[in-house]
C-alpha cells in the first residue's frame, strides 16, 4: 500500500471546496498515515481581470448560501458587496503551492486557512499582503514573500497543477480520486461535494477491498 494515495483537486476560492474542507480533513486524519493526500490546485478562475458585476455578486451569494446550507460551513458575505472586486483565484493558488513546496504536510491546512479567511473572515485573498499574513502563520518568511508569489517558477508550478487537473478530466471542484489500482488507474471517490457520512464509508470500503486483494 506504500504507493497508494488520494489526489485532491481543489481551489482555495472554490466555495464547495470550503464546504468539503471538514471532510477532507477527516480523511487525512483517519487514513493519511497509510494513504497520503496529495493536493493539486485546480484553477477555478485564474487570470480573471474584470471586476464582478452586481448581478454576478448576487449569483455568487446564492451559490454560497447553498454551500452553507449543505455543509454547515460559515460564510460572511461582505466581500461580494464590494464594488470592483476581481475574483482572480490565481494568487491564492500560488500561495498554496508555495506552502506546499516548503511544507508538504501543511498544504491541506493552509488551503483550509485561505478558505476560512475568504469565506468566513471577509479577507481579500487576492491580495498578496493578505496571503503573506496567512503564509507567515504557517512558517513562511514575510520578507520576499510577495516577490516569490509573483515569480515565474511559482507561476509555472501552479499552472502545471491546472494542467494536471485538465489532463485528469476534472471538470469541477472538489474532486477526490484514489489509487493506483492494479491496472494503474485512479478511481473517483467523489466529484463534487458530499458530506462525511457519505464519503467516509466509500473510502473505508475502497481501502478494505485494496487490503483484501
C-alpha atoms as a PDB file:
ATOM      1  CA  UNK A   1       0.000   0.000   0.000  1.00  0.00           C
ATOM      2  CA  UNK A   2       3.043   2.247   0.068  1.00  0.00           C
ATOM      3  CA  UNK A   3       2.265   3.675  -3.372  1.00  0.00           C
ATOM      4  CA  UNK A   4      -1.421   4.344  -2.755  1.00  0.00           C
ATOM      5  CA  UNK A   5      -2.594   7.920  -2.465  1.00  0.00           C
ATOM      6  CA  UNK A   6      -5.581  10.178  -2.570  1.00  0.00           C
ATOM      7  CA  UNK A   7      -5.330  13.024  -5.049  1.00  0.00           C
ATOM      8  CA  UNK A   8      -7.424  16.006  -4.029  1.00  0.00           C
ATOM      9  CA  UNK A   9      -8.240  18.543  -6.750  1.00  0.00           C
ATOM     10  CA  UNK A  10      -9.393  21.751  -5.107  1.00  0.00           C
ATOM     11  CA  UNK A  11      -9.191  25.515  -5.344  1.00  0.00           C
ATOM     12  CA  UNK A  12      -8.667  27.920  -2.426  1.00  0.00           C
ATOM     13  CA  UNK A  13     -11.509  30.133  -3.677  1.00  0.00           C
ATOM     14  CA  UNK A  14     -13.980  27.363  -4.513  1.00  0.00           C
ATOM     15  CA  UNK A  15     -16.969  27.553  -2.175  1.00  0.00           C
ATOM     16  CA  UNK A  16     -17.834  23.857  -2.476  1.00  0.00           C
ATOM     17  CA  UNK A  17     -14.230  23.042  -1.552  1.00  0.00           C
ATOM     18  CA  UNK A  18     -14.691  25.145   1.574  1.00  0.00           C
ATOM     19  CA  UNK A  19     -17.825  23.122   2.266  1.00  0.00           C
ATOM     20  CA  UNK A  20     -15.819  19.926   1.781  1.00  0.00           C
ATOM     21  CA  UNK A  21     -12.927  21.098   3.963  1.00  0.00           C
ATOM     22  CA  UNK A  22     -14.005  19.247   7.145  1.00  0.00           C
ATOM     23  CA  UNK A  23     -14.483  16.053   5.121  1.00  0.00           C
ATOM     24  CA  UNK A  24     -11.034  16.044   3.526  1.00  0.00           C
ATOM     25  CA  UNK A  25      -9.564  16.878   6.933  1.00  0.00           C
ATOM     26  CA  UNK A  26     -11.266  13.811   8.409  1.00  0.00           C
ATOM     27  CA  UNK A  27      -9.977  11.639   5.565  1.00  0.00           C
ATOM     28  CA  UNK A  28      -6.432  12.921   6.037  1.00  0.00           C
ATOM     29  CA  UNK A  29      -6.583  12.470   9.816  1.00  0.00           C
ATOM     30  CA  UNK A  30      -8.049   8.969   9.659  1.00  0.00           C
ATOM     31  CA  UNK A  31      -6.240   7.475   6.667  1.00  0.00           C
ATOM     32  CA  UNK A  32      -3.399   9.837   5.777  1.00  0.00           C
ATOM     33  CA  UNK A  33      -0.690   7.925   7.633  1.00  0.00           C
ATOM     34  CA  UNK A  34      -1.230   4.925   5.353  1.00  0.00           C
ATOM     35  CA  UNK A  35      -2.577   6.679   2.263  1.00  0.00           C
ATOM     36  CA  UNK A  36      -1.367  10.285   1.951  1.00  0.00           C
ATOM     37  CA  UNK A  37      -3.459  13.030   0.435  1.00  0.00           C
ATOM     38  CA  UNK A  38      -1.790  14.844  -2.464  1.00  0.00           C
ATOM     39  CA  UNK A  39      -3.204  18.306  -3.111  1.00  0.00           C
ATOM     40  CA  UNK A  40      -3.471  19.595  -6.677  1.00  0.00           C
ATOM     41  CA  UNK A  41      -4.732  23.169  -7.045  1.00  0.00           C
ATOM     42  CA  UNK A  42      -7.338  23.132  -9.732  1.00  0.00           C
ATOM     43  CA  UNK A  43      -7.584  26.590 -11.255  1.00  0.00           C
ATOM     44  CA  UNK A  44     -11.127  27.843 -10.747  1.00  0.00           C
ATOM     45  CA  UNK A  45     -10.855  31.341 -12.243  1.00  0.00           C
ATOM     46  CA  UNK A  46      -7.149  32.069 -12.720  1.00  0.00           C
ATOM     47  CA  UNK A  47      -6.177  35.232 -14.510  1.00  0.00           C
ATOM     48  CA  UNK A  48      -9.550  36.970 -14.170  1.00  0.00           C
ATOM     49  CA  UNK A  49      -9.126  40.703 -14.759  1.00  0.00           C
ATOM     50  CA  UNK A  50     -12.658  42.112 -14.874  1.00  0.00           C
ATOM     51  CA  UNK A  51     -14.447  43.239 -11.683  1.00  0.00           C
ATOM     52  CA  UNK A  52     -17.573  41.301 -10.756  1.00  0.00           C
ATOM     53  CA  UNK A  53     -20.843  42.889 -11.766  1.00  0.00           C
ATOM     54  CA  UNK A  54     -23.627  43.404  -9.257  1.00  0.00           C
ATOM     55  CA  UNK A  55     -25.561  40.559 -10.879  1.00  0.00           C
ATOM     56  CA  UNK A  56     -22.547  38.244 -10.676  1.00  0.00           C
ATOM     57  CA  UNK A  57     -22.094  39.068  -6.987  1.00  0.00           C
ATOM     58  CA  UNK A  58     -25.758  38.314  -6.333  1.00  0.00           C
ATOM     59  CA  UNK A  59     -25.490  34.965  -8.137  1.00  0.00           C
ATOM     60  CA  UNK A  60     -22.350  34.125  -6.190  1.00  0.00           C
ATOM     61  CA  UNK A  61     -24.059  34.824  -2.881  1.00  0.00           C
ATOM     62  CA  UNK A  62     -26.809  32.432  -3.920  1.00  0.00           C
ATOM     63  CA  UNK A  63     -24.240  29.691  -4.517  1.00  0.00           C
ATOM     64  CA  UNK A  64     -22.638  30.396  -1.166  1.00  0.00           C
ATOM     65  CA  UNK A  65     -25.962  30.095   0.614  1.00  0.00           C
ATOM     66  CA  UNK A  66     -26.403  26.667  -0.985  1.00  0.00           C
ATOM     67  CA  UNK A  67     -22.978  25.569   0.257  1.00  0.00           C
ATOM     68  CA  UNK A  68     -23.668  26.957   3.710  1.00  0.00           C
ATOM     69  CA  UNK A  69     -26.944  25.050   3.932  1.00  0.00           C
ATOM     70  CA  UNK A  70     -25.473  21.784   2.637  1.00  0.00           C
ATOM     71  CA  UNK A  71     -22.238  21.791   4.613  1.00  0.00           C
ATOM     72  CA  UNK A  72     -22.801  23.901   7.705  1.00  0.00           C
ATOM     73  CA  UNK A  73     -19.621  25.839   6.973  1.00  0.00           C
ATOM     74  CA  UNK A  74     -19.713  29.540   7.980  1.00  0.00           C
ATOM     75  CA  UNK A  75     -19.932  32.265   5.368  1.00  0.00           C
ATOM     76  CA  UNK A  76     -19.701  36.034   5.580  1.00  0.00           C
ATOM     77  CA  UNK A  77     -20.806  37.982   2.548  1.00  0.00           C
ATOM     78  CA  UNK A  78     -19.078  41.340   2.832  1.00  0.00           C
ATOM     79  CA  UNK A  79     -16.500  40.826   0.103  1.00  0.00           C
ATOM     80  CA  UNK A  80     -19.123  40.135  -2.529  1.00  0.00           C
ATOM     81  CA  UNK A  81     -20.706  43.503  -1.765  1.00  0.00           C
ATOM     82  CA  UNK A  82     -17.526  45.401  -2.617  1.00  0.00           C
ATOM     83  CA  UNK A  83     -17.546  47.263  -5.902  1.00  0.00           C
ATOM     84  CA  UNK A  84     -14.557  46.449  -8.044  1.00  0.00           C
ATOM     85  CA  UNK A  85     -13.788  43.040  -6.558  1.00  0.00           C
ATOM     86  CA  UNK A  86     -11.888  40.876  -9.072  1.00  0.00           C
ATOM     87  CA  UNK A  87     -12.396  37.152  -8.493  1.00  0.00           C
ATOM     88  CA  UNK A  88      -8.922  36.047  -9.569  1.00  0.00           C
ATOM     89  CA  UNK A  89      -8.130  32.705  -7.952  1.00  0.00           C
ATOM     90  CA  UNK A  90      -4.519  32.544  -9.143  1.00  0.00           C
ATOM     91  CA  UNK A  91      -2.752  34.419  -6.295  1.00  0.00           C
ATOM     92  CA  UNK A  92      -4.327  32.209  -3.616  1.00  0.00           C
ATOM     93  CA  UNK A  93      -3.460  29.105  -5.618  1.00  0.00           C
ATOM     94  CA  UNK A  94       0.146  30.273  -5.992  1.00  0.00           C
ATOM     95  CA  UNK A  95       0.408  30.922  -2.252  1.00  0.00           C
ATOM     96  CA  UNK A  96      -0.903  27.414  -1.599  1.00  0.00           C
ATOM     97  CA  UNK A  97       1.729  25.990  -3.930  1.00  0.00           C
ATOM     98  CA  UNK A  98       4.417  27.955  -2.082  1.00  0.00           C
ATOM     99  CA  UNK A  99       3.372  26.479   1.265  1.00  0.00           C
ATOM    100  CA  UNK A 100       3.106  23.007  -0.278  1.00  0.00           C
ATOM    101  CA  UNK A 101       6.612  23.387  -1.683  1.00  0.00           C
ATOM    102  CA  UNK A 102       8.094  24.468   1.666  1.00  0.00           C
ATOM    103  CA  UNK A 103       5.973  22.322   3.997  1.00  0.00           C
ATOM    104  CA  UNK A 104       4.189  19.498   2.110  1.00  0.00           C
ATOM    105  CA  UNK A 105       2.452  18.253   5.231  1.00  0.00           C
ATOM    106  CA  UNK A 106       0.857  21.690   5.783  1.00  0.00           C
ATOM    107  CA  UNK A 107      -0.659  22.114   2.329  1.00  0.00           C
ATOM    108  CA  UNK A 108      -4.170  20.971   3.239  1.00  0.00           C
ATOM    109  CA  UNK A 109      -4.198  23.035   6.409  1.00  0.00           C
ATOM    110  CA  UNK A 110      -3.102  26.131   4.511  1.00  0.00           C
ATOM    111  CA  UNK A 111      -5.770  25.518   1.885  1.00  0.00           C
ATOM    112  CA  UNK A 112      -8.361  25.461   4.654  1.00  0.00           C
ATOM    113  CA  UNK A 113      -6.884  28.591   6.233  1.00  0.00           C
ATOM    114  CA  UNK A 114      -7.150  30.544   2.993  1.00  0.00           C
ATOM    115  CA  UNK A 115     -10.709  29.332   2.531  1.00  0.00           C
ATOM    116  CA  UNK A 116     -11.662  30.367   6.055  1.00  0.00           C
ATOM    117  CA  UNK A 117     -10.057  33.769   5.550  1.00  0.00           C
ATOM    118  CA  UNK A 118     -12.002  34.347   2.354  1.00  0.00           C
ATOM    119  CA  UNK A 119     -15.365  32.838   3.177  1.00  0.00           C
ATOM    120  CA  UNK A 120     -15.739  33.324   6.921  1.00  0.00           C
ATOM    121  CA  UNK A 121     -13.492  36.309   7.699  1.00  0.00           C
ATOM    122  CA  UNK A 122     -14.121  38.611   4.703  1.00  0.00           C
ATOM    123  CA  UNK A 123     -10.404  38.823   3.912  1.00  0.00           C
ATOM    124  CA  UNK A 124      -9.395  39.535   0.340  1.00  0.00           C
ATOM    125  CA  UNK A 125      -7.186  36.567  -0.540  1.00  0.00           C
ATOM    126  CA  UNK A 126      -6.492  38.009  -3.976  1.00  0.00           C
ATOM    127  CA  UNK A 127      -4.224  40.446  -2.112  1.00  0.00           C
ATOM    128  CA  UNK A 128      -0.542  39.438  -1.832  1.00  0.00           C
ATOM    129  CA  UNK A 129      -0.318  41.238   1.522  1.00  0.00           C
ATOM    130  CA  UNK A 130      -3.196  39.223   2.958  1.00  0.00           C
ATOM    131  CA  UNK A 131      -1.715  35.989   1.607  1.00  0.00           C
ATOM    132  CA  UNK A 132       1.619  36.914   3.188  1.00  0.00           C
ATOM    133  CA  UNK A 133      -0.108  37.297   6.565  1.00  0.00           C
ATOM    134  CA  UNK A 134      -1.621  33.831   6.211  1.00  0.00           C
ATOM    135  CA  UNK A 135       1.597  32.215   4.985  1.00  0.00           C
ATOM    136  CA  UNK A 136       3.543  33.606   7.941  1.00  0.00           C
ATOM    137  CA  UNK A 137       1.177  31.674  10.213  1.00  0.00           C
ATOM    138  CA  UNK A 138       2.477  28.509   8.530  1.00  0.00           C
ATOM    139  CA  UNK A 139       6.165  29.279   8.772  1.00  0.00           C
ATOM    140  CA  UNK A 140       6.975  31.145   5.561  1.00  0.00           C
ATOM    141  CA  UNK A 141       9.036  34.299   5.876  1.00  0.00           C
ATOM    142  CA  UNK A 142       7.269  37.557   5.144  1.00  0.00           C
ATOM    143  CA  UNK A 143      10.406  39.062   3.630  1.00  0.00           C
ATOM    144  CA  UNK A 144      10.463  38.251  -0.056  1.00  0.00           C
ATOM    145  CA  UNK A 145       7.058  36.547   0.009  1.00  0.00           C
ATOM    146  CA  UNK A 146       5.363  38.836  -2.489  1.00  0.00           C
ATOM    147  CA  UNK A 147       8.307  38.673  -4.883  1.00  0.00           C
ATOM    148  CA  UNK A 148       8.273  34.888  -4.769  1.00  0.00           C
ATOM    149  CA  UNK A 149       4.497  34.851  -5.207  1.00  0.00           C
ATOM    150  CA  UNK A 150       4.960  36.765  -8.455  1.00  0.00           C
ATOM    151  CA  UNK A 151       7.947  34.709  -9.608  1.00  0.00           C
ATOM    152  CA  UNK A 152       7.853  32.740 -12.836  1.00  0.00           C
ATOM    153  CA  UNK A 153       8.783  29.432 -11.195  1.00  0.00           C
ATOM    154  CA  UNK A 154       5.845  29.607  -8.768  1.00  0.00           C
ATOM    155  CA  UNK A 155       3.526  30.566 -11.634  1.00  0.00           C
ATOM    156  CA  UNK A 156       4.797  27.615 -13.702  1.00  0.00           C
ATOM    157  CA  UNK A 157       4.311  25.141 -10.869  1.00  0.00           C
ATOM    158  CA  UNK A 158       0.814  26.440 -10.201  1.00  0.00           C
ATOM    159  CA  UNK A 159      -0.216  26.318 -13.851  1.00  0.00           C
ATOM    160  CA  UNK A 160       1.284  22.843 -14.064  1.00  0.00           C
ATOM    161  CA  UNK A 161      -1.242  21.859 -11.397  1.00  0.00           C
ATOM    162  CA  UNK A 162      -4.028  23.323 -13.506  1.00  0.00           C
ATOM    163  CA  UNK A 163      -2.805  21.259 -16.450  1.00  0.00           C
ATOM    164  CA  UNK A 164      -2.766  18.106 -14.344  1.00  0.00           C
ATOM    165  CA  UNK A 165      -6.406  18.754 -13.433  1.00  0.00           C
ATOM    166  CA  UNK A 166      -7.345  19.181 -17.074  1.00  0.00           C
ATOM    167  CA  UNK A 167      -5.489  16.057 -18.186  1.00  0.00           C
ATOM    168  CA  UNK A 168      -7.165  14.093 -15.411  1.00  0.00           C
ATOM    169  CA  UNK A 169     -10.561  15.115 -16.773  1.00  0.00           C
ATOM    170  CA  UNK A 170     -11.514  17.099 -13.689  1.00  0.00           C
ATOM    171  CA  UNK A 171     -14.462  19.308 -14.566  1.00  0.00           C
ATOM    172  CA  UNK A 172     -15.380  20.622 -11.130  1.00  0.00           C
ATOM    173  CA  UNK A 173     -14.134  21.016  -7.593  1.00  0.00           C
ATOM    174  CA  UNK A 174     -13.794  19.377  -5.185  1.00  0.00           C
ATOM    175  CA  UNK A 175     -12.758  16.141  -6.858  1.00  0.00           C
ATOM    176  CA  UNK A 176     -11.115  13.340  -4.887  1.00  0.00           C
ATOM    177  CA  UNK A 177      -9.622  10.264  -6.534  1.00  0.00           C
ATOM    178  CA  UNK A 178      -7.735   7.296  -5.092  1.00  0.00           C
ATOM    179  CA  UNK A 179      -5.285   4.769  -6.456  1.00  0.00           C
ATOM    180  CA  UNK A 180      -3.480   3.488  -8.287  1.00  0.00           C
ATOM    181  CA  UNK A 181      -5.315   0.204  -8.709  1.00  0.00           C
ATOM    182  CA  UNK A 182      -3.772  -2.953 -10.105  1.00  0.00           C
ATOM    183  CA  UNK A 183      -4.225  -1.569 -13.598  1.00  0.00           C
ATOM    184  CA  UNK A 184      -2.513   1.687 -12.654  1.00  0.00           C
ATOM    185  CA  UNK A 185      -5.660   3.795 -12.841  1.00  0.00           C
ATOM    186  CA  UNK A 186      -7.332   6.003 -10.256  1.00  0.00           C
ATOM    187  CA  UNK A 187     -10.952   5.768  -9.219  1.00  0.00           C
ATOM    188  CA  UNK A 188     -13.204   8.643  -8.208  1.00  0.00           C
ATOM    189  CA  UNK A 189     -14.137   8.899  -4.549  1.00  0.00           C
ATOM    190  CA  UNK A 190     -16.254  11.963  -5.230  1.00  0.00           C
ATOM    191  CA  UNK A 191     -16.762  14.510  -7.972  1.00  0.00           C
ATOM    192  CA  UNK A 192     -18.302  17.398  -6.120  1.00  0.00           C
ATOM    193  CA  UNK A 193     -19.341  17.972  -2.542  1.00  0.00           C
ATOM    194  CA  UNK A 194     -20.562  15.076  -0.443  1.00  0.00           C
ATOM    195  CA  UNK A 195     -20.931  15.029   3.356  1.00  0.00           C
ATOM    196  CA  UNK A 196     -18.686  12.923   5.569  1.00  0.00           C
ATOM    197  CA  UNK A 197     -21.385  10.340   6.244  1.00  0.00           C
ATOM    198  CA  UNK A 198     -21.465   9.568   2.523  1.00  0.00           C
ATOM    199  CA  UNK A 199     -17.743   9.784   1.734  1.00  0.00           C
ATOM    200  CA  UNK A 200     -16.135   8.027   4.690  1.00  0.00           C
ATOM    201  CA  UNK A 201     -17.901   4.690   4.082  1.00  0.00           C
ATOM    202  CA  UNK A 202     -16.799   4.843   0.420  1.00  0.00           C
ATOM    203  CA  UNK A 203     -13.195   5.384   1.479  1.00  0.00           C
ATOM    204  CA  UNK A 204     -13.397   2.610   4.057  1.00  0.00           C
ATOM    205  CA  UNK A 205     -14.846   0.174   1.519  1.00  0.00           C
ATOM    206  CA  UNK A 206     -12.146   1.035  -1.019  1.00  0.00           C
ATOM    207  CA  UNK A 207      -9.331   0.508   1.485  1.00  0.00           C
ATOM    208  CA  UNK A 208     -10.869  -2.761   2.654  1.00  0.00           C
ATOM    209  CA  UNK A 209     -11.032  -4.031  -0.923  1.00  0.00           C
ATOM    210  CA  UNK A 210      -7.423  -2.995  -1.564  1.00  0.00           C
ATOM    211  CA  UNK A 211      -6.183  -4.755   1.546  1.00  0.00           C
ATOM    212  CA  UNK A 212      -8.120  -7.893   0.678  1.00  0.00           C
ATOM    213  CA  UNK A 213      -6.761  -8.039  -2.862  1.00  0.00           C
END
